[in-house]
Amino acid sequence: MLYCKEANFADMEKEYLFVRDIPADENGFTNAWTGVSREDFAQKPCLR
């Protein structure tokens, strides 16, 4: 079963690994976090 869960610091490592490797433009999904460093991901709010 798939469900949405709010982002949180406890899951930061899993979230970082997920968004870091998604291409910048994958089937219409735009990913501003492609190739981001772990430090930037931990310190910056979501790039929009």
PDB file of N, CA and C in Angstrom:
ATOM      1  N   MET A   1       0.837  -1.169   0.000  1.00  0.00           N
ATOM      2  CA  MET A   1       0.000   0.000   0.000  1.00  0.00           C
ATOM      3  C   MET A   1       0.890   1.243   0.000  1.00  0.00           C
ATOM      4  N   LEU A   2       0.521   2.219  -0.779  1.00  0.00           N
ATOM      5  CA  LEU A   2       1.266   3.463  -0.893  1.00  0.00           C
ATOM      6  C   LEU A   2       0.530   4.557  -0.126  1.00  0.00           C
ATOM      7  N   TYR A   3       1.261   5.328   0.671  1.00  0.00           N
ATOM      8  CA  TYR A   3       0.639   6.431   1.390  1.00  0.00           C
ATOM      9  C   TYR A   3       1.606   7.600   1.464  1.00  0.00           C
ATOM     10  N   CYS A   4       1.070   8.793   1.630  1.00  0.00           N
ATOM     11  CA  CYS A   4       1.886  10.001   1.753  1.00  0.00           C
ATOM     12  C   CYS A   4       2.229  10.231   3.214  1.00  0.00           C
ATOM     13  N   LYS A   5       3.433  10.671   3.449  1.00  0.00           N
ATOM     14  CA  LYS A   5       3.899  10.923   4.805  1.00  0.00           C
ATOM     15  C   LYS A   5       4.640  12.247   4.793  1.00  0.00           C
ATOM     16  N   GLU A   6       4.426  13.063   5.804  1.00  0.00           N
ATOM     17  CA  GLU A   6       5.102  14.353   5.892  1.00  0.00           C
ATOM     18  C   GLU A   6       6.605  14.142   6.060  1.00  0.00           C
ATOM     19  N   ALA A   7       7.391  14.973   5.384  1.00  0.00           N
ATOM     20  CA  ALA A   7       8.850  14.894   5.515  1.00  0.00           C
ATOM     21  C   ALA A   7       9.258  15.246   6.941  1.00  0.00           C
ATOM     22  N   ASN A   8      10.290  14.558   7.441  1.00  0.00           N
ATOM     23  CA  ASN A   8      10.767  14.827   8.796  1.00  0.00           C
ATOM     24  C   ASN A   8      12.253  14.509   8.888  1.00  0.00           C
ATOM     25  N   PHE A   9      12.906  15.027   9.927  1.00  0.00           N
ATOM     26  CA  PHE A   9      14.354  14.828  10.071  1.00  0.00           C
ATOM     27  C   PHE A   9      14.728  13.375  10.358  1.00  0.00           C
ATOM     28  N   ALA A  10      13.833  12.608  10.958  1.00  0.00           N
ATOM     29  CA  ALA A  10      14.131  11.207  11.257  1.00  0.00           C
ATOM     30  C   ALA A  10      14.349  10.397   9.975  1.00  0.00           C
ATOM     31  N   ASP A  11      13.677  10.787   8.891  1.00  0.00           N
ATOM     32  CA  ASP A  11      13.787  10.069   7.618  1.00  0.00           C
ATOM     33  C   ASP A  11      14.657  10.804   6.605  1.00  0.00           C
ATOM     34  N   MET A  12      15.417  11.791   7.048  1.00  0.00           N
ATOM     35  CA  MET A  12      16.179  12.642   6.141  1.00  0.00           C
ATOM     36  C   MET A  12      17.140  11.848   5.248  1.00  0.00           C
ATOM     37  N   GLU A  13      17.827  10.879   5.782  1.00  0.00           N
ATOM     38  CA  GLU A  13      18.796  10.116   4.977  1.00  0.00           C
ATOM     39  C   GLU A  13      18.097   9.373   3.842  1.00  0.00           C
ATOM     40  N   LYS A  14      16.978   8.744   4.131  1.00  0.00           N
ATOM     41  CA  LYS A  14      16.231   8.021   3.091  1.00  0.00           C
ATOM     42  C   LYS A  14      15.709   8.991   2.033  1.00  0.00           C
ATOM     43  N   GLU A  15      15.198  10.135   2.480  1.00  0.00           N
ATOM     44  CA  GLU A  15      14.669  11.128   1.549  1.00  0.00           C
ATOM     45  C   GLU A  15      15.790  11.691   0.679  1.00  0.00           C
ATOM     46  N   TYR A  16      16.936  11.971   1.277  1.00  0.00           N
ATOM     47  CA  TYR A  16      18.082  12.493   0.536  1.00  0.00           C
ATOM     48  C   TYR A  16      18.508  11.513  -0.561  1.00  0.00           C
ATOM     49  N   LEU A  17      18.660  10.252  -0.223  1.00  0.00           N
ATOM     50  CA  LEU A  17      19.090   9.256  -1.205  1.00  0.00           C
ATOM     51  C   LEU A  17      18.077   9.117  -2.335  1.00  0.00           C
ATOM     52  N   PHE A  18      16.805   9.264  -2.012  1.00  0.00           N
ATOM     53  CA  PHE A  18      15.750   9.163  -3.014  1.00  0.00           C
ATOM     54  C   PHE A  18      15.798  10.328  -3.994  1.00  0.00           C
ATOM     55  N   VAL A  19      15.773  11.557  -3.498  1.00  0.00           N
ATOM     56  CA  VAL A  19      15.697  12.717  -4.400  1.00  0.00           C
ATOM     57  C   VAL A  19      17.016  13.026  -5.092  1.00  0.00           C
ATOM     58  N   ARG A  20      18.117  12.678  -4.498  1.00  0.00           N
ATOM     59  CA  ARG A  20      19.431  12.958  -5.091  1.00  0.00           C
ATOM     60  C   ARG A  20      19.597  12.260  -6.435  1.00  0.00           C
ATOM     61  N   ASP A  21      19.061  11.056  -6.569  1.00  0.00           N
ATOM     62  CA  ASP A  21      19.305  10.250  -7.764  1.00  0.00           C
ATOM     63  C   ASP A  21      18.217  10.331  -8.835  1.00  0.00           C
ATOM     64  N   ILE A  22      17.112  11.011  -8.556  1.00  0.00           N
ATOM     65  CA  ILE A  22      16.078  11.172  -9.572  1.00  0.00           C
ATOM     66  C   ILE A  22      16.573  12.205 -10.584  1.00  0.00           C
ATOM     67  N   PRO A  23      16.434  11.948 -11.882  1.00  0.00           N
ATOM     68  CA  PRO A  23      16.870  12.927 -12.887  1.00  0.00           C
ATOM     69  C   PRO A  23      16.152  14.269 -12.718  1.00  0.00           C
ATOM     70  N   ALA A  24      16.741  15.338 -13.236  1.00  0.00           N
ATOM     71  CA  ALA A  24      16.167  16.683 -13.103  1.00  0.00           C
ATOM     72  C   ALA A  24      14.795  16.792 -13.769  1.00  0.00           C
ATOM     73  N   ASP A  25      14.587  16.046 -14.852  1.00  0.00           N
ATOM     74  CA  ASP A  25      13.288  16.067 -15.542  1.00  0.00           C
ATOM     75  C   ASP A  25      12.956  14.641 -15.968  1.00  0.00           C
ATOM     76  N   GLU A  26      12.138  13.992 -15.192  1.00  0.00           N
ATOM     77  CA  GLU A  26      11.777  12.596 -15.440  1.00  0.00           C
ATOM     78  C   GLU A  26      10.280  12.505 -15.708  1.00  0.00           C
ATOM     79  N   ASN A  27       9.904  12.321 -16.969  1.00  0.00           N
ATOM     80  CA  ASN A  27       8.498  12.167 -17.354  1.00  0.00           C
ATOM     81  C   ASN A  27       7.624  13.301 -16.836  1.00  0.00           C
ATOM     82  N   GLY A  28       8.112  14.528 -16.916  1.00  0.00           N
ATOM     83  CA  GLY A  28       7.343  15.683 -16.498  1.00  0.00           C
ATOM     84  C   GLY A  28       7.516  16.064 -15.038  1.00  0.00           C
ATOM     85  N   PHE A  29       8.163  15.216 -14.250  1.00  0.00           N
ATOM     86  CA  PHE A  29       8.428  15.527 -12.852  1.00  0.00           C
ATOM     87  C   PHE A  29       9.725  16.320 -12.776  1.00  0.00           C
ATOM     88  N   THR A  30       9.676  17.526 -12.249  1.00  0.00           N
ATOM     89  CA  THR A  30      10.864  18.369 -12.130  1.00  0.00           C
ATOM     90  C   THR A  30      11.464  18.200 -10.740  1.00  0.00           C
ATOM     91  N   ASN A  31      12.747  17.829 -10.687  1.00  0.00           N
ATOM     92  CA  ASN A  31      13.431  17.591  -9.426  1.00  0.00           C
ATOM     93  C   ASN A  31      14.546  18.621  -9.247  1.00  0.00           C
ATOM     94  N   ALA A  32      14.327  19.585  -8.358  1.00  0.00           N
ATOM     95  CA  ALA A  32      15.334  20.619  -8.100  1.00  0.00           C
ATOM     96  C   ALA A  32      16.488  20.097  -7.248  1.00  0.00           C
ATOM     97  N   TRP A  33      16.359  18.906  -6.686  1.00  0.00           N
ATOM     98  CA  TRP A  33      17.374  18.364  -5.780  1.00  0.00           C
ATOM     99  C   TRP A  33      18.375  17.426  -6.465  1.00  0.00           C
ATOM    100  N   THR A  34      18.314  17.264  -7.764  1.00  0.00           N
ATOM    101  CA  THR A  34      19.238  16.365  -8.457  1.00  0.00           C
ATOM    102  C   THR A  34      20.684  16.727  -8.165  1.00  0.00           C
ATOM    103  N   GLY A  35      21.458  15.783  -7.660  1.00  0.00           N
ATOM    104  CA  GLY A  35      22.878  15.984  -7.408  1.00  0.00           C
ATOM    105  C   GLY A  35      23.204  16.874  -6.221  1.00  0.00           C
ATOM    106  N   VAL A  36      22.234  17.201  -5.386  1.00  0.00           N
ATOM    107  CA  VAL A  36      22.475  18.078  -4.243  1.00  0.00           C
ATOM    108  C   VAL A  36      23.384  17.391  -3.219  1.00  0.00           C
ATOM    109  N   SER A  37      24.188  18.179  -2.527  1.00  0.00           N
ATOM    110  CA  SER A  37      25.050  17.611  -1.486  1.00  0.00           C
ATOM    111  C   SER A  37      24.216  17.338  -0.236  1.00  0.00           C
ATOM    112  N   ARG A  38      24.676  16.423   0.587  1.00  0.00           N
ATOM    113  CA  ARG A  38      23.965  16.065   1.824  1.00  0.00           C
ATOM    114  C   ARG A  38      23.842  17.301   2.741  1.00  0.00           C
ATOM    115  N   GLU A  39      24.886  18.111   2.806  1.00  0.00           N
ATOM    116  CA  GLU A  39      24.870  19.297   3.659  1.00  0.00           C
ATOM    117  C   GLU A  39      23.810  20.306   3.203  1.00  0.00           C
ATOM    118  N   ASP A  40      23.751  20.548   1.891  1.00  0.00           N
ATOM    119  CA  ASP A  40      22.742  21.480   1.377  1.00  0.00           C
ATOM    120  C   ASP A  40      21.342  20.938   1.594  1.00  0.00           C
ATOM    121  N   PHE A  41      21.150  19.662   1.383  1.00  0.00           N
ATOM    122  CA  PHE A  41      19.831  19.058   1.572  1.00  0.00           C
ATOM    123  C   PHE A  41      19.371  19.195   3.019  1.00  0.00           C
ATOM    124  N   ALA A  42      20.273  19.039   3.961  1.00  0.00           N
ATOM    125  CA  ALA A  42      19.916  19.092   5.379  1.00  0.00           C
ATOM    126  C   ALA A  42      19.639  20.525   5.844  1.00  0.00           C
ATOM    127  N   GLN A  43      20.218  21.527   5.157  1.00  0.00           N
ATOM    128  CA  GLN A  43      20.115  22.897   5.651  1.00  0.00           C
ATOM    129  C   GLN A  43      19.119  23.777   4.907  1.00  0.00           C
ATOM    130  N   LYS A  44      18.757  23.436   3.686  1.00  0.00           N
ATOM    131  CA  LYS A  44      17.892  24.305   2.893  1.00  0.00           C
ATOM    132  C   LYS A  44      16.472  23.767   2.851  1.00  0.00           C
ATOM    133  N   PRO A  45      15.489  24.683   2.842  1.00  0.00           N
ATOM    134  CA  PRO A  45      14.109  24.233   2.633  1.00  0.00           C
ATOM    135  C   PRO A  45      13.940  23.762   1.204  1.00  0.00           C
ATOM    136  N   CYS A  46      12.867  23.125   0.919  1.00  0.00           N
ATOM    137  CA  CYS A  46      12.588  22.586  -0.414  1.00  0.00           C
ATOM    138  C   CYS A  46      12.734  23.675  -1.469  1.00  0.00           C
ATOM    139  N   LEU A  47      13.505  23.400  -2.501  1.00  0.00           N
ATOM    140  CA  LEU A  47      13.666  24.341  -3.609  1.00  0.00           C
ATOM    141  C   LEU A  47      12.450  24.260  -4.518  1.00  0.00           C
ATOM    142  N   ARG A  48      11.850  25.384  -4.808  1.00  0.00           N
ATOM    143  CA  ARG A  48      10.660  25.365  -5.674  1.00  0.00           C
ATOM    144  C   ARG A  48      10.860  26.273  -6.842  1.00  0.00           C
TER     145      ARG A  48
END
